[in-house]
Amino acid sequence: MPDGPSQDQQLLYRVAFAKNCFILLVRAYRTMDVHSHQTAEEPHITGELVRSARTIVESDDAEPWMEHIEVLDDPPQSVVGCYGKNRPRIDIEFVRTGRGVRPRFHVEAKRLYRSDSVNEYFGSSGLRMFLDGKYAGSWPSAGMLGYVQSDTCAVWLRRLACGFATRHAEICARQGFPDLAPAGWQGAGLEGVHTSHHDRPQQNLGHIQIFHLLVEFI
């Protein structure tokens, strides 16, 4: 019998899956009336983003790869020791449907609009949820969305870059990788996607790659 996919092939598949998830996010974002969401709370924006993404994947002219993508809004996660209403809930979950284990891609969203927004983005209810294994504990990559509701994406990207540089130990930044670097994706509005790499030492889960994208609601 032929061997299964190599580790390199699995990584390529995972990156392609992540890229498709962000393509959907960008397309869904472009259908929204962004100006009307300048003061909206995160669950409101995320709900509309997921609704728009579902409309895209369920449309008659959806691309073939979209037929195997399910988009979930605020689903609870299975975490050891957490039950019922105490289970953590990821903001957006993409599921690749099919036989066997279904790959998942988790995205956590944070508003960027006030002085402590950078702390919230990197904090215990933001990026730390991935590092502690509460989100994407079984997966090697995940995403962060920043809902920019003041200034611009460029301004907030600089603030996040500065915040990253001063939190290396706190966010378990992986040695040998740049702090916050462009993902190198082109087209489909993906030029703004950045990536970072982190260790997850507490759960012995190995490192995780996080893809970051900021979108304006101004």
Protein backbone atom coordinates (compact mmCIF):
# COMPACT_ATOMS: atom_id res chain seq x y z
CA MET A 1 0.00 0.00 0.00
CA PRO A 2 1.22 3.55 -0.68
CA ASP A 3 2.28 5.58 2.31
CA GLY A 4 0.09 8.45 3.50
CA PRO A 5 0.98 12.10 2.95
CA SER A 6 4.42 13.10 4.17
CA GLN A 7 4.83 15.70 6.89
CA ASP A 8 5.74 18.29 4.25
CA GLN A 9 2.63 17.44 2.24
CA GLN A 10 0.45 17.70 5.33
CA LEU A 11 1.90 21.14 6.01
CA LEU A 12 1.16 22.25 2.45
CA TYR A 13 -2.42 20.99 2.76
CA ARG A 14 -2.83 22.84 6.04
CA VAL A 15 -1.53 26.12 4.66
CA ALA A 16 -3.82 25.78 1.63
CA PHE A 17 -6.78 25.18 3.95
CA ALA A 18 -5.88 28.25 6.03
CA LYS A 19 -5.56 30.35 2.89
CA ASN A 20 -8.99 29.27 1.66
CA CYS A 21 -10.49 30.19 5.02
CA PHE A 22 -9.04 33.68 4.73
CA ILE A 23 -10.25 33.98 1.15
CA LEU A 24 -13.75 33.34 2.46
CA LEU A 25 -13.31 35.84 5.28
CA VAL A 26 -12.15 38.55 2.89
CA ARG A 27 -14.97 37.89 0.43
CA ALA A 28 -17.52 37.91 3.24
CA TYR A 29 -16.08 41.15 4.62
CA ARG A 30 -16.38 42.82 1.20
CA THR A 31 -20.12 42.16 1.14
CA MET A 32 -20.71 43.95 4.45
CA ASP A 33 -21.70 47.54 5.11
CA VAL A 34 -18.55 48.19 7.11
CA HIS A 35 -19.38 51.81 8.02
CA SER A 36 -22.49 50.74 9.95
CA HIS A 37 -20.36 48.54 12.23
CA GLN A 38 -17.97 51.18 13.56
CA THR A 39 -19.31 50.87 17.12
CA ALA A 40 -20.63 47.30 16.90
CA GLU A 41 -19.56 44.69 19.41
CA GLU A 42 -17.42 41.74 18.30
CA PRO A 43 -20.22 39.11 18.38
CA HIS A 44 -22.38 41.33 16.16
CA ILE A 45 -19.64 41.76 13.55
CA THR A 46 -18.59 38.12 13.68
CA GLY A 47 -22.18 36.95 13.30
CA GLU A 48 -22.62 39.05 10.18
CA LEU A 49 -19.27 37.92 8.80
CA VAL A 50 -20.17 34.25 9.26
CA ARG A 51 -23.62 34.78 7.77
CA SER A 52 -22.07 36.37 4.69
CA ALA A 53 -19.49 33.55 4.42
CA ARG A 54 -22.24 30.94 4.57
CA THR A 55 -24.16 32.75 1.83
CA ILE A 56 -21.06 32.57 -0.36
CA VAL A 57 -20.37 28.87 0.16
CA GLU A 58 -24.04 27.95 -0.29
CA SER A 59 -24.59 30.01 -3.43
CA ASP A 60 -25.21 28.37 -6.81
CA ASP A 61 -21.98 29.81 -8.20
CA ALA A 62 -19.77 28.75 -5.28
CA GLU A 63 -16.36 27.48 -6.32
CA PRO A 64 -15.89 23.68 -6.11
CA TRP A 65 -13.61 23.79 -3.06
CA MET A 66 -16.27 25.72 -1.13
CA GLU A 67 -18.61 22.74 -1.24
CA HIS A 68 -16.48 21.07 1.41
CA ILE A 69 -16.26 24.03 3.81
CA GLU A 70 -18.61 24.59 6.74
CA VAL A 71 -18.48 27.88 8.66
CA LEU A 72 -19.60 27.94 12.31
CA ASP A 73 -20.31 30.94 14.54
CA ASP A 74 -19.22 30.74 18.20
CA PRO A 75 -19.17 26.92 18.57
CA PRO A 76 -18.17 25.43 21.97
CA GLN A 77 -14.88 23.57 22.14
CA SER A 78 -14.08 20.26 23.79
CA VAL A 79 -11.48 21.00 26.46
CA VAL A 80 -10.55 18.64 29.28
CA GLY A 81 -12.22 19.72 32.51
CA CYS A 82 -14.69 22.11 30.84
CA TYR A 83 -18.35 21.13 30.55
CA GLY A 84 -21.64 22.64 29.42
CA LYS A 85 -21.73 26.42 29.47
CA ASN A 86 -18.17 26.53 30.83
CA ARG A 87 -16.70 25.26 27.57
CA PRO A 88 -14.67 27.90 25.70
CA ARG A 89 -16.21 29.14 22.46
CA ILE A 90 -14.12 30.08 19.44
CA ASP A 91 -15.47 33.02 17.43
CA ILE A 92 -15.28 31.32 14.01
CA GLU A 93 -14.64 27.69 13.14
CA PHE A 94 -14.05 26.42 9.61
CA VAL A 95 -14.58 22.69 9.08
CA ARG A 96 -13.36 20.74 6.07
CA THR A 97 -16.11 18.19 5.56
CA GLY A 98 -15.59 14.63 4.34
CA ARG A 99 -14.80 11.17 5.63
CA GLY A 100 -12.63 10.59 8.66
CA VAL A 101 -11.13 13.28 10.82
CA ARG A 102 -12.38 16.69 9.68
CA PRO A 103 -9.71 19.40 9.70
CA ARG A 104 -10.67 22.56 11.55
CA PHE A 105 -9.37 26.10 11.41
CA HIS A 106 -10.13 28.36 14.35
CA VAL A 107 -10.28 32.15 14.21
CA GLU A 108 -10.47 34.46 17.21
CA ALA A 109 -11.63 38.04 16.63
CA LYS A 110 -10.84 41.16 18.64
CA ARG A 111 -11.94 44.78 18.32
CA LEU A 112 -9.13 47.31 17.86
CA TYR A 113 -10.50 50.65 18.96
CA ARG A 114 -9.06 51.84 22.28
CA SER A 115 -5.82 52.07 24.22
CA ASP A 116 -6.03 48.61 25.82
CA SER A 117 -7.02 46.79 22.62
CA VAL A 118 -3.47 45.51 22.06
CA ASN A 119 -3.50 43.91 25.52
CA GLU A 120 -6.82 42.25 24.75
CA TYR A 121 -5.55 40.98 21.39
CA PHE A 122 -2.56 39.24 23.01
CA GLY A 123 -4.20 38.50 26.35
CA SER A 124 -5.93 35.60 28.11
CA SER A 125 -9.08 35.82 25.99
CA GLY A 126 -7.20 36.45 22.75
CA LEU A 127 -3.97 34.94 21.44
CA ARG A 128 -3.30 33.17 24.76
CA MET A 129 -6.31 30.92 24.16
CA PHE A 130 -4.35 29.25 21.35
CA LEU A 131 -1.12 29.08 23.32
CA ASP A 132 -2.89 27.47 26.29
CA GLY A 133 -4.46 24.84 24.05
CA LYS A 134 -8.06 25.97 24.67
CA TYR A 135 -8.46 26.74 20.98
CA ALA A 136 -6.94 24.70 18.12
CA GLY A 137 -5.28 22.35 20.57
CA SER A 138 -5.22 19.58 17.97
CA TRP A 139 -4.13 21.75 15.05
CA PRO A 140 -0.84 23.35 13.98
CA SER A 141 -2.29 26.67 12.82
CA ALA A 142 -5.10 29.13 13.53
CA GLY A 143 -6.11 32.72 12.85
CA MET A 144 -6.65 36.08 14.51
CA LEU A 145 -8.92 38.80 13.12
CA GLY A 146 -8.63 42.43 14.20
CA TYR A 147 -11.73 44.57 13.73
CA VAL A 148 -10.30 48.06 13.29
CA GLN A 149 -12.79 50.65 14.56
CA SER A 150 -10.46 53.62 14.95
CA ASP A 151 -7.43 54.93 13.05
CA THR A 152 -6.36 52.55 10.22
CA CYS A 153 -5.15 48.99 9.68
CA ALA A 154 -1.63 50.30 9.11
CA VAL A 155 -1.62 52.12 12.46
CA TRP A 156 -2.91 49.10 14.33
CA LEU A 157 -0.49 46.76 12.60
CA ARG A 158 2.38 48.90 13.89
CA ARG A 159 0.89 48.82 17.39
CA LEU A 160 0.55 45.05 17.29
CA ALA A 161 4.12 44.71 15.99
CA CYS A 162 5.37 46.81 18.91
CA GLY A 163 3.22 44.82 21.31
CA PHE A 164 4.61 41.58 19.93
CA ALA A 165 8.21 42.77 20.34
CA THR A 166 7.67 43.55 24.04
CA ARG A 167 5.87 40.30 24.86
CA HIS A 168 8.19 37.58 23.55
CA ALA A 169 8.12 35.52 26.74
CA GLU A 170 4.46 36.18 27.48
CA ILE A 171 3.26 34.98 24.06
CA CYS A 172 5.84 32.19 23.75
CA ALA A 173 7.31 33.62 20.54
CA ARG A 174 9.18 30.86 18.74
CA GLN A 175 12.90 31.44 18.33
CA GLY A 176 14.25 31.59 14.82
CA PHE A 177 11.11 33.14 13.34
CA PRO A 178 10.32 36.82 12.70
CA ASP A 179 7.92 38.46 15.12
CA LEU A 180 5.11 39.37 12.74
CA ALA A 181 5.85 38.86 9.05
CA PRO A 182 3.78 38.99 5.84
CA ALA A 183 2.39 35.58 4.95
CA GLY A 184 3.40 36.16 1.34
CA TRP A 185 -0.08 35.47 -0.03
CA GLN A 186 -1.04 37.40 -3.15
CA GLY A 187 -4.40 38.24 -4.68
CA ALA A 188 -7.94 37.88 -3.29
CA GLY A 189 -7.22 40.66 -0.77
CA LEU A 190 -4.76 38.48 1.15
CA GLU A 191 -1.75 40.80 0.94
CA GLY A 192 -2.51 42.05 4.46
CA VAL A 193 -2.29 38.63 6.10
CA HIS A 194 0.66 38.30 8.48
CA THR A 195 1.97 35.32 10.37
CA SER A 196 3.67 34.54 13.67
CA HIS A 197 4.97 31.38 15.35
CA HIS A 198 4.55 30.36 18.97
CA ASP A 199 5.39 27.50 21.30
CA ARG A 200 2.71 25.81 23.41
CA PRO A 201 4.84 24.43 26.26
CA GLN A 202 2.13 24.06 28.89
CA GLN A 203 0.26 21.36 26.99
CA ASN A 204 3.21 19.83 25.10
CA LEU A 205 1.26 20.51 21.94
CA GLY A 206 4.19 21.67 19.85
CA HIS A 207 4.34 25.03 18.15
CA ILE A 208 1.48 26.80 16.39
CA GLN A 209 1.44 29.21 13.46
CA ILE A 210 -1.00 32.11 13.73
CA PHE A 211 -2.26 34.01 10.70
CA HIS A 212 -3.32 37.60 11.41
CA LEU A 213 -5.60 39.88 9.38
CA LEU A 214 -6.91 43.35 10.19
CA VAL A 215 -10.07 44.68 8.53
CA GLU A 216 -11.53 48.18 8.87
CA PHE A 217 -15.00 48.97 10.15
CA ILE A 218 -14.83 52.76 9.94
